[in-house]
Amino acid sequence: MIPRRPAALVCDMDGLLLDTEQLIRAAMTAELNALGHDFSAARFAELIGEPADANDARLLEWYGGAVDPQALRRAVARRIETDWGKARPLKPGVTALLAGARALGLPLAVATSTGRDAALSHLSHSGIADQFDAIVTRDDVARGKPYPDLFLAAAQRLGVAPPEALALEDSHSGVRAAHAAGVPVIMVPDLLPATAEMAALAVAIASDLHEVAHWLDAAA
């Protein structure tokens, strides 16, 4: 449950608003397999929620010079666009969450590890970009998740103190980042489970965004 009505809502994008993590995992697995490399779900889990620079470092650690991380990223994007076009599917409950937040007069922000061009494209083609008062991306801060920079910047742009906002996250790195920023966070698990650490850092674990929307209504 949400202990009190927040002054603003800060949402992650991939895996929280947009059902993209499974698309990325499938495309990355296919591309790496085509290059002759194994790629497990456990390895992909280590990439979730972190920015491209951190992911690139992990890929180089795993595959060395046999994989060019930037070329792989372009190939994954092409494969997803071929299958899905420019739009990305919404996670269940997104429409209810955004409508409920707007009805309560809560300012809304996105805080994503994705770069600005891709984030704006995905949100726009999925039909929800205009719902947000601020969109903060990896390009806008010095450090990505699990550092607090994205959430601190989002709170600043919305004009609220971090403890007055509420963050929604699906990844472990995202929960850690919000907590480090002093922003209360609800985890809505996607591909990563809610571990004991996540339960300790988050104010609640929700089954989906429909449940979060219900909690927001109750907190109001």
C-alpha atoms as a PDB file:
ATOM      1  CA  MET A   1       0.000   0.000   0.000  1.00  0.00           C
ATOM      2  CA  ILE A   2       0.979   3.651  -0.414  1.00  0.00           C
ATOM      3  CA  PRO A   3       1.292   5.227   3.057  1.00  0.00           C
ATOM      4  CA  ARG A   4       0.317   8.725   1.885  1.00  0.00           C
ATOM      5  CA  ARG A   5      -0.609  10.612  -1.248  1.00  0.00           C
ATOM      6  CA  PRO A   6       2.574  11.517  -3.160  1.00  0.00           C
ATOM      7  CA  ALA A   7       3.217  14.979  -4.596  1.00  0.00           C
ATOM      8  CA  ALA A   8       4.416  13.533  -7.917  1.00  0.00           C
ATOM      9  CA  LEU A   9       4.935  10.240  -9.718  1.00  0.00           C
ATOM     10  CA  VAL A  10       8.225   9.197 -11.368  1.00  0.00           C
ATOM     11  CA  CYS A  11       8.059   6.142 -13.628  1.00  0.00           C
ATOM     12  CA  ASP A  12      10.690   3.951 -15.201  1.00  0.00           C
ATOM     13  CA  MET A  13      10.061   3.178 -18.878  1.00  0.00           C
ATOM     14  CA  ASP A  14      11.300  -0.230 -20.096  1.00  0.00           C
ATOM     15  CA  GLY A  15       9.631  -3.063 -18.234  1.00  0.00           C
ATOM     16  CA  LEU A  16       7.402  -0.673 -16.266  1.00  0.00           C
ATOM     17  CA  LEU A  17       5.461   1.424 -18.774  1.00  0.00           C
ATOM     18  CA  LEU A  18       6.520  -0.391 -21.938  1.00  0.00           C
ATOM     19  CA  ASP A  19       6.604  -4.176 -22.263  1.00  0.00           C
ATOM     20  CA  THR A  20      10.027  -4.104 -23.912  1.00  0.00           C
ATOM     21  CA  GLU A  21      12.364  -6.194 -21.784  1.00  0.00           C
ATOM     22  CA  GLN A  22      11.120  -9.474 -23.244  1.00  0.00           C
ATOM     23  CA  LEU A  23      11.466  -8.070 -26.771  1.00  0.00           C
ATOM     24  CA  ILE A  24      15.019  -6.954 -26.078  1.00  0.00           C
ATOM     25  CA  ARG A  25      15.955 -10.286 -24.499  1.00  0.00           C
ATOM     26  CA  ALA A  26      14.598 -12.281 -27.441  1.00  0.00           C
ATOM     27  CA  ALA A  27      16.296 -10.041 -30.015  1.00  0.00           C
ATOM     28  CA  MET A  28      19.635  -9.995 -28.172  1.00  0.00           C
ATOM     29  CA  THR A  29      19.580 -13.775 -27.753  1.00  0.00           C
ATOM     30  CA  ALA A  30      18.891 -14.241 -31.463  1.00  0.00           C
ATOM     31  CA  GLU A  31      21.652 -11.846 -32.520  1.00  0.00           C
ATOM     32  CA  LEU A  32      24.270 -13.344 -30.204  1.00  0.00           C
ATOM     33  CA  ASN A  33      23.296 -16.890 -31.192  1.00  0.00           C
ATOM     34  CA  ALA A  34      23.710 -15.905 -34.844  1.00  0.00           C
ATOM     35  CA  LEU A  35      27.261 -14.825 -33.977  1.00  0.00           C
ATOM     36  CA  GLY A  36      27.894 -18.205 -32.354  1.00  0.00           C
ATOM     37  CA  HIS A  37      27.621 -17.091 -28.730  1.00  0.00           C
ATOM     38  CA  ASP A  38      25.479 -18.461 -25.934  1.00  0.00           C
ATOM     39  CA  PHE A  39      23.347 -15.934 -24.088  1.00  0.00           C
ATOM     40  CA  SER A  40      21.305 -17.002 -21.081  1.00  0.00           C
ATOM     41  CA  ALA A  41      18.336 -15.429 -19.341  1.00  0.00           C
ATOM     42  CA  ALA A  42      20.564 -15.112 -16.268  1.00  0.00           C
ATOM     43  CA  ARG A  43      23.043 -12.998 -18.209  1.00  0.00           C
ATOM     44  CA  PHE A  44      20.305 -10.786 -19.596  1.00  0.00           C
ATOM     45  CA  ALA A  45      19.015 -10.284 -16.050  1.00  0.00           C
ATOM     46  CA  GLU A  46      22.335  -8.631 -15.187  1.00  0.00           C
ATOM     47  CA  LEU A  47      21.697  -5.995 -17.874  1.00  0.00           C
ATOM     48  CA  ILE A  48      18.149  -5.031 -16.906  1.00  0.00           C
ATOM     49  CA  GLY A  49      17.682  -1.485 -15.711  1.00  0.00           C
ATOM     50  CA  GLU A  50      21.260  -0.375 -16.341  1.00  0.00           C
ATOM     51  CA  PRO A  51      22.367   2.162 -18.978  1.00  0.00           C
ATOM     52  CA  ALA A  52      24.059   1.308 -22.268  1.00  0.00           C
ATOM     53  CA  ASP A  53      27.556   2.138 -21.039  1.00  0.00           C
ATOM     54  CA  ALA A  54      27.258  -0.300 -18.136  1.00  0.00           C
ATOM     55  CA  ASN A  55      25.784  -2.969 -20.430  1.00  0.00           C
ATOM     56  CA  ASP A  56      28.610  -2.459 -22.921  1.00  0.00           C
ATOM     57  CA  ALA A  57      31.168  -3.068 -20.186  1.00  0.00           C
ATOM     58  CA  ARG A  58      29.462  -6.335 -19.219  1.00  0.00           C
ATOM     59  CA  LEU A  59      29.298  -7.529 -22.827  1.00  0.00           C
ATOM     60  CA  LEU A  60      33.003  -6.837 -23.284  1.00  0.00           C
ATOM     61  CA  GLU A  61      33.713  -8.715 -20.063  1.00  0.00           C
ATOM     62  CA  TRP A  62      31.740 -11.729 -21.269  1.00  0.00           C
ATOM     63  CA  TYR A  63      32.690 -11.832 -24.952  1.00  0.00           C
ATOM     64  CA  GLY A  64      35.783  -9.665 -25.301  1.00  0.00           C
ATOM     65  CA  GLY A  65      36.503  -8.358 -28.768  1.00  0.00           C
ATOM     66  CA  ALA A  66      34.299 -11.028 -30.344  1.00  0.00           C
ATOM     67  CA  VAL A  67      31.253  -8.781 -29.843  1.00  0.00           C
ATOM     68  CA  ASP A  68      30.972  -5.081 -30.671  1.00  0.00           C
ATOM     69  CA  PRO A  69      28.407  -3.819 -28.128  1.00  0.00           C
ATOM     70  CA  GLN A  70      27.344  -0.823 -30.215  1.00  0.00           C
ATOM     71  CA  ALA A  71      26.898  -2.924 -33.359  1.00  0.00           C
ATOM     72  CA  LEU A  72      24.931  -5.452 -31.314  1.00  0.00           C
ATOM     73  CA  ARG A  73      22.676  -2.696 -29.971  1.00  0.00           C
ATOM     74  CA  ARG A  74      21.930  -1.487 -33.509  1.00  0.00           C
ATOM     75  CA  ALA A  75      21.191  -5.036 -34.674  1.00  0.00           C
ATOM     76  CA  VAL A  76      18.846  -5.624 -31.726  1.00  0.00           C
ATOM     77  CA  ALA A  77      17.008  -2.360 -32.462  1.00  0.00           C
ATOM     78  CA  ARG A  78      16.633  -3.309 -36.136  1.00  0.00           C
ATOM     79  CA  ARG A  79      15.287  -6.735 -35.268  1.00  0.00           C
ATOM     80  CA  ILE A  80      12.714  -5.309 -32.827  1.00  0.00           C
ATOM     81  CA  GLU A  81      11.618  -2.628 -35.286  1.00  0.00           C
ATOM     82  CA  THR A  82      11.212  -5.241 -38.020  1.00  0.00           C
ATOM     83  CA  ASP A  83       8.931  -7.278 -35.761  1.00  0.00           C
ATOM     84  CA  TRP A  84       7.109  -4.452 -33.944  1.00  0.00           C
ATOM     85  CA  GLY A  85       7.582  -1.227 -35.872  1.00  0.00           C
ATOM     86  CA  LYS A  86       8.326   1.916 -33.876  1.00  0.00           C
ATOM     87  CA  ALA A  87       5.628   1.419 -31.243  1.00  0.00           C
ATOM     88  CA  ARG A  88       6.157  -0.664 -28.129  1.00  0.00           C
ATOM     89  CA  PRO A  89       3.398  -2.541 -26.283  1.00  0.00           C
ATOM     90  CA  LEU A  90       2.172  -0.996 -23.041  1.00  0.00           C
ATOM     91  CA  LYS A  91       2.356  -2.932 -19.806  1.00  0.00           C
ATOM     92  CA  PRO A  92      -1.008  -3.848 -18.250  1.00  0.00           C
ATOM     93  CA  GLY A  93      -2.444  -1.009 -16.193  1.00  0.00           C
ATOM     94  CA  VAL A  94      -0.533   1.871 -17.798  1.00  0.00           C
ATOM     95  CA  THR A  95      -3.680   3.603 -19.026  1.00  0.00           C
ATOM     96  CA  ALA A  96      -5.384   3.264 -15.640  1.00  0.00           C
ATOM     97  CA  LEU A  97      -2.287   4.494 -13.801  1.00  0.00           C
ATOM     98  CA  LEU A  98      -1.821   7.599 -15.948  1.00  0.00           C
ATOM     99  CA  ALA A  99      -5.528   8.449 -15.887  1.00  0.00           C
ATOM    100  CA  GLY A 100      -5.633   8.054 -12.112  1.00  0.00           C
ATOM    101  CA  ALA A 101      -2.554  10.209 -11.591  1.00  0.00           C
ATOM    102  CA  ARG A 102      -3.980  12.928 -13.820  1.00  0.00           C
ATOM    103  CA  ALA A 103      -7.320  12.813 -12.004  1.00  0.00           C
ATOM    104  CA  LEU A 104      -5.436  13.428  -8.752  1.00  0.00           C
ATOM    105  CA  GLY A 105      -3.486  16.293 -10.295  1.00  0.00           C
ATOM    106  CA  LEU A 106      -0.117  14.588  -9.818  1.00  0.00           C
ATOM    107  CA  PRO A 107       2.751  15.774 -12.015  1.00  0.00           C
ATOM    108  CA  LEU A 108       4.355  12.892 -13.894  1.00  0.00           C
ATOM    109  CA  ALA A 109       7.897  12.154 -15.022  1.00  0.00           C
ATOM    110  CA  VAL A 110       9.774   9.365 -16.745  1.00  0.00           C
ATOM    111  CA  ALA A 111      13.237   8.457 -15.439  1.00  0.00           C
ATOM    112  CA  THR A 112      14.832   5.995 -17.852  1.00  0.00           C
ATOM    113  CA  SER A 113      18.251   4.476 -18.516  1.00  0.00           C
ATOM    114  CA  THR A 114      17.453   4.658 -22.239  1.00  0.00           C
ATOM    115  CA  GLY A 115      18.929   7.487 -24.324  1.00  0.00           C
ATOM    116  CA  ARG A 116      16.788  10.517 -25.165  1.00  0.00           C
ATOM    117  CA  ASP A 117      16.147   9.885 -28.874  1.00  0.00           C
ATOM    118  CA  ALA A 118      15.050   6.285 -28.336  1.00  0.00           C
ATOM    119  CA  ALA A 119      12.990   7.117 -25.244  1.00  0.00           C
ATOM    120  CA  LEU A 120      11.079   9.923 -26.966  1.00  0.00           C
ATOM    121  CA  SER A 121      10.482   7.738 -30.010  1.00  0.00           C
ATOM    122  CA  HIS A 122       9.187   4.789 -27.997  1.00  0.00           C
ATOM    123  CA  LEU A 123       6.943   6.890 -25.769  1.00  0.00           C
ATOM    124  CA  SER A 124       5.597   8.925 -28.694  1.00  0.00           C
ATOM    125  CA  HIS A 125       4.858   5.959 -30.939  1.00  0.00           C
ATOM    126  CA  SER A 126       3.249   4.147 -28.012  1.00  0.00           C
ATOM    127  CA  GLY A 127       0.926   7.126 -27.512  1.00  0.00           C
ATOM    128  CA  ILE A 128       1.866   8.234 -23.998  1.00  0.00           C
ATOM    129  CA  ALA A 129       4.681  10.812 -24.368  1.00  0.00           C
ATOM    130  CA  ASP A 130       2.281  13.722 -23.906  1.00  0.00           C
ATOM    131  CA  GLN A 131       1.167  12.365 -20.535  1.00  0.00           C
ATOM    132  CA  PHE A 132       4.428  13.363 -18.852  1.00  0.00           C
ATOM    133  CA  ASP A 133       5.552  16.738 -17.552  1.00  0.00           C
ATOM    134  CA  ALA A 134       9.211  15.698 -17.712  1.00  0.00           C
ATOM    135  CA  ILE A 135      11.159  12.942 -19.462  1.00  0.00           C
ATOM    136  CA  VAL A 136      14.618  12.404 -17.976  1.00  0.00           C
ATOM    137  CA  THR A 137      16.940  10.050 -19.851  1.00  0.00           C
ATOM    138  CA  ARG A 138      20.457   8.671 -19.555  1.00  0.00           C
ATOM    139  CA  ASP A 139      21.628  11.531 -21.791  1.00  0.00           C
ATOM    140  CA  ASP A 140      20.497  14.081 -19.204  1.00  0.00           C
ATOM    141  CA  VAL A 141      22.563  12.937 -16.209  1.00  0.00           C
ATOM    142  CA  ALA A 142      26.165  12.160 -15.359  1.00  0.00           C
ATOM    143  CA  ARG A 143      25.436   8.677 -14.020  1.00  0.00           C
ATOM    144  CA  GLY A 144      22.790   6.085 -14.775  1.00  0.00           C
ATOM    145  CA  LYS A 145      21.041   3.668 -12.465  1.00  0.00           C
ATOM    146  CA  PRO A 146      21.774   2.371  -9.818  1.00  0.00           C
ATOM    147  CA  TYR A 147      23.036   5.886  -9.026  1.00  0.00           C
ATOM    148  CA  PRO A 148      20.362   8.378  -7.890  1.00  0.00           C
ATOM    149  CA  ASP A 149      20.934  11.011 -10.600  1.00  0.00           C
ATOM    150  CA  LEU A 150      17.890  10.235 -12.772  1.00  0.00           C
ATOM    151  CA  PHE A 151      15.439  10.397  -9.869  1.00  0.00           C
ATOM    152  CA  LEU A 152      16.990  13.513  -8.399  1.00  0.00           C
ATOM    153  CA  ALA A 153      16.760  15.233 -11.779  1.00  0.00           C
ATOM    154  CA  ALA A 154      13.147  14.113 -12.257  1.00  0.00           C
ATOM    155  CA  ALA A 155      12.101  15.430  -8.847  1.00  0.00           C
ATOM    156  CA  GLN A 156      13.851  18.736  -9.548  1.00  0.00           C
ATOM    157  CA  ARG A 157      12.109  19.144 -12.899  1.00  0.00           C
ATOM    158  CA  LEU A 158       8.740  18.441 -11.290  1.00  0.00           C
ATOM    159  CA  GLY A 159       9.471  20.918  -8.529  1.00  0.00           C
ATOM    160  CA  VAL A 160       9.105  18.503  -5.624  1.00  0.00           C
ATOM    161  CA  ALA A 161      11.472  17.296  -2.910  1.00  0.00           C
ATOM    162  CA  PRO A 162      12.551  13.671  -3.513  1.00  0.00           C
ATOM    163  CA  PRO A 163      10.839  12.285  -0.380  1.00  0.00           C
ATOM    164  CA  GLU A 164       7.542  13.810  -1.542  1.00  0.00           C
ATOM    165  CA  ALA A 165       7.559  11.934  -4.848  1.00  0.00           C
ATOM    166  CA  LEU A 166       6.806   8.273  -5.521  1.00  0.00           C
ATOM    167  CA  ALA A 167       8.862   6.152  -7.940  1.00  0.00           C
ATOM    168  CA  LEU A 168       7.684   3.070  -9.822  1.00  0.00           C
ATOM    169  CA  GLU A 169      10.342   0.584 -10.916  1.00  0.00           C
ATOM    170  CA  ASP A 170      10.612  -2.959 -12.227  1.00  0.00           C
ATOM    171  CA  SER A 171      14.387  -3.488 -11.963  1.00  0.00           C
ATOM    172  CA  HIS A 172      16.737  -3.982  -9.053  1.00  0.00           C
ATOM    173  CA  SER A 173      19.021  -1.203 -10.310  1.00  0.00           C
ATOM    174  CA  GLY A 174      16.041   1.127 -10.556  1.00  0.00           C
ATOM    175  CA  VAL A 175      14.824   0.393  -7.036  1.00  0.00           C
ATOM    176  CA  ARG A 176      18.336   0.969  -5.712  1.00  0.00           C
ATOM    177  CA  ALA A 177      18.571   4.255  -7.634  1.00  0.00           C
ATOM    178  CA  ALA A 178      15.255   5.597  -6.332  1.00  0.00           C
ATOM    179  CA  HIS A 179      16.101   4.578  -2.786  1.00  0.00           C
ATOM    180  CA  ALA A 180      19.518   6.227  -3.044  1.00  0.00           C
ATOM    181  CA  ALA A 181      17.784   9.421  -4.200  1.00  0.00           C
ATOM    182  CA  GLY A 182      15.489   9.376  -1.187  1.00  0.00           C
ATOM    183  CA  VAL A 183      12.415   8.770  -3.359  1.00  0.00           C
ATOM    184  CA  PRO A 184       9.966   6.189  -1.942  1.00  0.00           C
ATOM    185  CA  VAL A 185       9.650   3.427  -4.530  1.00  0.00           C
ATOM    186  CA  ILE A 186       7.185   0.691  -5.396  1.00  0.00           C
ATOM    187  CA  MET A 187       8.573  -2.278  -7.277  1.00  0.00           C
ATOM    188  CA  VAL A 188       6.380  -3.775  -9.986  1.00  0.00           C
ATOM    189  CA  PRO A 189       8.364  -6.866 -11.031  1.00  0.00           C
ATOM    190  CA  ASP A 190       8.721  -7.712 -14.709  1.00  0.00           C
ATOM    191  CA  LEU A 191      11.539 -10.148 -15.572  1.00  0.00           C
ATOM    192  CA  LEU A 192      13.311  -9.758 -12.227  1.00  0.00           C
ATOM    193  CA  PRO A 193      11.786 -11.083  -8.996  1.00  0.00           C
ATOM    194  CA  ALA A 194      11.235  -9.041  -5.874  1.00  0.00           C
ATOM    195  CA  THR A 195      14.096 -10.252  -3.676  1.00  0.00           C
ATOM    196  CA  ALA A 196      14.454  -9.714   0.060  1.00  0.00           C
ATOM    197  CA  GLU A 197      16.677  -6.727  -0.710  1.00  0.00           C
ATOM    198  CA  MET A 198      14.007  -5.186  -2.930  1.00  0.00           C
ATOM    199  CA  ALA A 199      11.324  -5.717  -0.298  1.00  0.00           C
ATOM    200  CA  ALA A 200      13.544  -3.925   2.218  1.00  0.00           C
ATOM    201  CA  LEU A 201      14.248  -0.960  -0.073  1.00  0.00           C
ATOM    202  CA  ALA A 202      10.746  -0.520  -1.511  1.00  0.00           C
ATOM    203  CA  VAL A 203       7.668   0.759   0.299  1.00  0.00           C
ATOM    204  CA  ALA A 204       5.637  -1.957  -1.432  1.00  0.00           C
ATOM    205  CA  ILE A 205       5.734  -4.679  -4.082  1.00  0.00           C
ATOM    206  CA  ALA A 206       2.819  -4.512  -6.552  1.00  0.00           C
ATOM    207  CA  SER A 207       1.552  -7.260  -8.818  1.00  0.00           C
ATOM    208  CA  ASP A 208       0.920  -4.822 -11.681  1.00  0.00           C
ATOM    209  CA  LEU A 209       0.107  -1.192 -12.443  1.00  0.00           C
ATOM    210  CA  HIS A 210      -3.613  -1.788 -11.942  1.00  0.00           C
ATOM    211  CA  GLU A 211      -2.815  -2.454  -8.288  1.00  0.00           C
ATOM    212  CA  VAL A 212      -0.691   0.706  -8.075  1.00  0.00           C
ATOM    213  CA  ALA A 213      -3.542   2.740  -9.588  1.00  0.00           C
ATOM    214  CA  HIS A 214      -5.892   1.322  -6.951  1.00  0.00           C
ATOM    215  CA  TRP A 215      -3.431   2.208  -4.176  1.00  0.00           C
ATOM    216  CA  LEU A 216      -3.081   5.754  -5.498  1.00  0.00           C
ATOM    217  CA  ASP A 217      -6.839   6.169  -5.449  1.00  0.00           C
ATOM    218  CA  ALA A 218      -7.010   4.838  -1.905  1.00  0.00           C
ATOM    219  CA  ALA A 219      -4.173   7.126  -0.754  1.00  0.00           C
ATOM    220  CA  ALA A 220      -6.037  10.137  -2.127  1.00  0.00           C
END
